N, C-alpha and C. Protein backbone atom coordinates (compact mmCIF):
# COMPACT_ATOMS: atom_id res chain seq x y z
N UNK A 1 113.27 81.47 88.90
CA UNK A 1 114.41 81.27 89.78
C UNK A 1 114.89 82.63 90.28
N UNK A 2 115.02 82.76 91.59
CA UNK A 2 115.43 84.04 92.18
C UNK A 2 116.79 84.50 91.69
N UNK A 3 117.73 83.57 91.57
CA UNK A 3 119.07 83.95 91.13
C UNK A 3 119.06 84.60 89.76
N UNK A 4 118.33 84.02 88.85
CA UNK A 4 118.23 84.57 87.49
C UNK A 4 117.53 85.92 87.51
N UNK A 5 116.49 86.01 88.29
CA UNK A 5 115.72 87.27 88.40
C UNK A 5 116.61 88.42 88.87
N UNK A 6 117.37 88.19 89.92
CA UNK A 6 118.22 89.26 90.46
C UNK A 6 119.41 89.56 89.55
N UNK A 7 119.94 88.55 88.89
CA UNK A 7 121.03 88.79 87.94
C UNK A 7 120.54 89.61 86.75
N UNK A 8 119.33 89.29 86.27
CA UNK A 8 118.76 90.05 85.16
C UNK A 8 118.51 91.50 85.58
N UNK A 9 117.99 91.69 86.78
CA UNK A 9 117.74 93.05 87.28
C UNK A 9 119.06 93.81 87.41
N UNK A 10 120.08 93.15 87.89
CA UNK A 10 121.40 93.78 88.02
C UNK A 10 121.93 94.20 86.66
N UNK A 11 121.82 93.32 85.69
CA UNK A 11 122.30 93.63 84.34
C UNK A 11 121.54 94.82 83.76
N UNK A 12 120.22 94.85 83.94
CA UNK A 12 119.43 95.98 83.45
C UNK A 12 119.88 97.29 84.07
N UNK A 13 120.00 97.29 85.39
CA UNK A 13 120.36 98.52 86.11
C UNK A 13 121.75 98.99 85.71
N UNK A 14 122.68 98.07 85.62
CA UNK A 14 124.04 98.46 85.23
C UNK A 14 124.10 99.00 83.81
N UNK A 15 123.15 98.57 82.97
CA UNK A 15 123.09 99.05 81.59
C UNK A 15 122.31 100.37 81.48
N UNK A 16 121.85 100.87 82.63
CA UNK A 16 121.13 102.14 82.63
C UNK A 16 119.63 102.00 82.48
N UNK A 17 119.12 100.79 82.58
CA UNK A 17 117.68 100.54 82.44
C UNK A 17 117.06 100.41 83.83
N UNK A 18 116.25 101.36 84.20
CA UNK A 18 115.68 101.42 85.55
C UNK A 18 114.64 100.34 85.82
N UNK A 19 114.25 99.57 84.82
CA UNK A 19 113.24 98.53 85.06
C UNK A 19 113.71 97.48 86.05
N UNK A 20 115.00 97.37 86.29
CA UNK A 20 115.50 96.41 87.27
C UNK A 20 115.47 96.92 88.70
N UNK A 21 115.28 98.21 88.88
CA UNK A 21 115.31 98.77 90.23
C UNK A 21 114.26 98.18 91.17
N UNK A 22 113.00 98.04 90.76
CA UNK A 22 112.01 97.47 91.69
C UNK A 22 112.38 96.05 92.13
N UNK A 23 112.97 95.28 91.27
CA UNK A 23 113.38 93.91 91.63
C UNK A 23 114.45 93.97 92.71
N UNK A 24 115.41 94.88 92.55
CA UNK A 24 116.47 95.00 93.55
C UNK A 24 115.93 95.52 94.87
N UNK A 25 114.99 96.45 94.83
CA UNK A 25 114.37 96.93 96.07
C UNK A 25 113.59 95.79 96.72
N UNK A 26 112.90 94.98 95.93
CA UNK A 26 112.23 93.80 96.49
C UNK A 26 113.23 92.85 97.15
N UNK A 27 114.42 92.79 96.60
CA UNK A 27 115.46 91.94 97.17
C UNK A 27 115.87 92.34 98.57
N UNK A 28 115.60 93.57 98.94
CA UNK A 28 115.95 94.05 100.28
C UNK A 28 115.13 93.38 101.38
N UNK A 29 114.00 92.78 101.02
CA UNK A 29 113.16 92.10 102.02
C UNK A 29 113.22 90.59 101.87
N UNK A 30 114.11 90.10 101.05
CA UNK A 30 114.25 88.67 100.83
C UNK A 30 114.69 87.97 102.10
N UNK A 31 114.26 86.73 102.28
CA UNK A 31 114.64 85.98 103.48
C UNK A 31 116.11 85.59 103.50
N UNK A 32 116.73 85.52 102.33
CA UNK A 32 118.15 85.15 102.23
C UNK A 32 119.02 86.39 102.40
N UNK A 33 119.86 86.43 103.44
CA UNK A 33 120.69 87.61 103.66
C UNK A 33 121.66 87.88 102.51
N UNK A 34 122.03 86.85 101.75
CA UNK A 34 122.92 87.07 100.59
C UNK A 34 122.21 87.87 99.51
N UNK A 35 120.94 87.60 99.31
CA UNK A 35 120.16 88.36 98.32
C UNK A 35 120.02 89.80 98.79
N UNK A 36 119.75 89.98 100.07
CA UNK A 36 119.62 91.34 100.61
C UNK A 36 120.93 92.10 100.44
N UNK A 37 122.04 91.47 100.77
CA UNK A 37 123.35 92.13 100.64
C UNK A 37 123.66 92.48 99.20
N UNK A 38 123.43 91.55 98.31
CA UNK A 38 123.69 91.79 96.88
C UNK A 38 122.82 92.93 96.37
N UNK A 39 121.55 92.93 96.76
CA UNK A 39 120.64 93.98 96.29
C UNK A 39 121.08 95.36 96.76
N UNK A 40 121.41 95.49 98.04
CA UNK A 40 121.82 96.82 98.52
C UNK A 40 123.16 97.22 97.92
N UNK A 41 124.05 96.28 97.71
CA UNK A 41 125.34 96.64 97.10
C UNK A 41 125.15 97.20 95.70
N UNK A 42 124.31 96.57 94.90
CA UNK A 42 124.06 97.06 93.54
C UNK A 42 123.34 98.39 93.59
N UNK A 43 122.31 98.50 94.43
CA UNK A 43 121.59 99.77 94.54
C UNK A 43 122.54 100.90 94.95
N UNK A 44 123.42 100.65 95.89
CA UNK A 44 124.35 101.68 96.32
C UNK A 44 125.34 102.03 95.21
N UNK A 45 125.83 101.04 94.49
CA UNK A 45 126.75 101.31 93.38
C UNK A 45 126.10 102.20 92.33
N UNK A 46 124.85 101.94 92.03
CA UNK A 46 124.17 102.66 90.95
C UNK A 46 123.67 104.03 91.39
N UNK A 47 123.19 104.13 92.63
CA UNK A 47 122.58 105.39 93.07
C UNK A 47 123.45 106.21 94.02
N UNK A 48 124.41 105.55 94.67
CA UNK A 48 125.20 106.24 95.69
C UNK A 48 124.46 106.35 97.02
N UNK A 49 123.30 105.71 97.12
CA UNK A 49 122.46 105.80 98.32
C UNK A 49 122.32 104.45 99.00
N UNK A 50 122.05 104.49 100.31
CA UNK A 50 121.64 103.29 101.05
C UNK A 50 120.33 103.54 101.78
N UNK A 51 120.01 104.81 102.01
CA UNK A 51 118.83 105.20 102.79
C UNK A 51 118.83 104.51 104.15
N UNK A 52 120.02 104.26 104.68
CA UNK A 52 120.16 103.67 106.01
C UNK A 52 119.96 102.17 106.05
N UNK A 53 119.87 101.53 104.88
CA UNK A 53 119.64 100.09 104.84
C UNK A 53 120.93 99.33 105.09
N UNK A 54 120.83 98.32 105.96
CA UNK A 54 121.92 97.37 106.18
C UNK A 54 121.31 95.99 106.21
N UNK A 55 121.83 95.10 105.40
CA UNK A 55 121.24 93.77 105.22
C UNK A 55 121.20 92.96 106.51
N UNK A 56 122.08 93.26 107.46
CA UNK A 56 122.11 92.48 108.69
C UNK A 56 121.41 93.17 109.86
N UNK A 57 120.74 94.29 109.60
CA UNK A 57 119.98 94.96 110.65
C UNK A 57 118.77 94.13 111.06
N UNK A 58 118.23 94.48 112.21
CA UNK A 58 116.99 93.88 112.69
C UNK A 58 115.89 94.16 111.65
N UNK A 59 114.95 93.23 111.47
CA UNK A 59 113.89 93.44 110.47
C UNK A 59 113.16 94.77 110.61
N UNK A 60 112.98 95.26 111.82
CA UNK A 60 112.30 96.54 112.02
C UNK A 60 113.07 97.69 111.35
N UNK A 61 114.38 97.72 111.54
CA UNK A 61 115.19 98.76 110.93
C UNK A 61 115.22 98.60 109.40
N UNK A 62 115.29 97.35 108.95
CA UNK A 62 115.28 97.11 107.50
C UNK A 62 113.98 97.59 106.89
N UNK A 63 112.85 97.33 107.56
CA UNK A 63 111.56 97.77 107.02
C UNK A 63 111.51 99.28 106.84
N UNK A 64 112.03 100.01 107.81
CA UNK A 64 112.03 101.48 107.70
C UNK A 64 112.87 101.93 106.51
N UNK A 65 114.02 101.32 106.32
CA UNK A 65 114.88 101.68 105.19
C UNK A 65 114.24 101.28 103.86
N UNK A 66 113.59 100.12 103.82
CA UNK A 66 112.91 99.68 102.59
C UNK A 66 111.79 100.65 102.26
N UNK A 67 111.11 101.17 103.27
CA UNK A 67 110.07 102.18 103.02
C UNK A 67 110.68 103.41 102.35
N UNK A 68 111.88 103.80 102.76
CA UNK A 68 112.55 104.94 102.12
C UNK A 68 112.92 104.62 100.68
N UNK A 69 113.39 103.39 100.43
CA UNK A 69 113.69 102.97 99.06
C UNK A 69 112.43 102.96 98.21
N UNK A 70 111.35 102.45 98.77
CA UNK A 70 110.08 102.39 98.03
C UNK A 70 109.59 103.80 97.70
N UNK A 71 109.70 104.70 98.65
CA UNK A 71 109.32 106.10 98.40
C UNK A 71 110.18 106.69 97.28
N UNK A 72 111.47 106.42 97.33
CA UNK A 72 112.38 106.91 96.29
C UNK A 72 111.96 106.38 94.92
N UNK A 73 111.64 105.09 94.84
CA UNK A 73 111.18 104.50 93.57
C UNK A 73 109.89 105.15 93.10
N UNK A 74 108.96 105.33 94.03
CA UNK A 74 107.68 105.94 93.69
C UNK A 74 107.88 107.36 93.13
N UNK A 75 108.79 108.11 93.72
CA UNK A 75 109.05 109.47 93.26
C UNK A 75 109.63 109.47 91.85
N UNK A 76 110.47 108.50 91.54
CA UNK A 76 111.07 108.41 90.21
C UNK A 76 110.05 107.99 89.17
N UNK A 77 109.07 107.18 89.57
CA UNK A 77 108.08 106.66 88.63
C UNK A 77 106.92 107.61 88.40
N UNK A 78 106.76 108.57 89.30
CA UNK A 78 105.62 109.49 89.19
C UNK A 78 105.78 110.40 87.97
N UNK A 79 104.69 110.60 87.24
CA UNK A 79 104.79 111.52 86.09
C UNK A 79 105.01 112.94 86.59
N UNK A 80 105.70 113.75 85.81
CA UNK A 80 105.95 115.14 86.24
C UNK A 80 104.64 115.90 86.41
N UNK A 81 104.60 116.73 87.41
CA UNK A 81 103.41 117.57 87.64
C UNK A 81 103.42 118.76 86.71
N UNK A 82 102.23 119.12 86.27
CA UNK A 82 102.10 120.28 85.36
C UNK A 82 101.75 121.51 86.10
């Protein structure tokens, strides 16, 4: 169930567990605008960032912002370089 999935991700992130972040970033491309809004609100609360994402933007603009979020996630998940 999507509702349970996003609530669990929110609880993880608010507790300081980054494992919920990819779920919330995935929520940015959800077909339901309420899920998109909730996801960006939580991401912004936790990170202080939006990367230009607005849940009601045209899909093209949302895709560009989601790419920035995905890049941000990838950078956080990458092992440190030696």
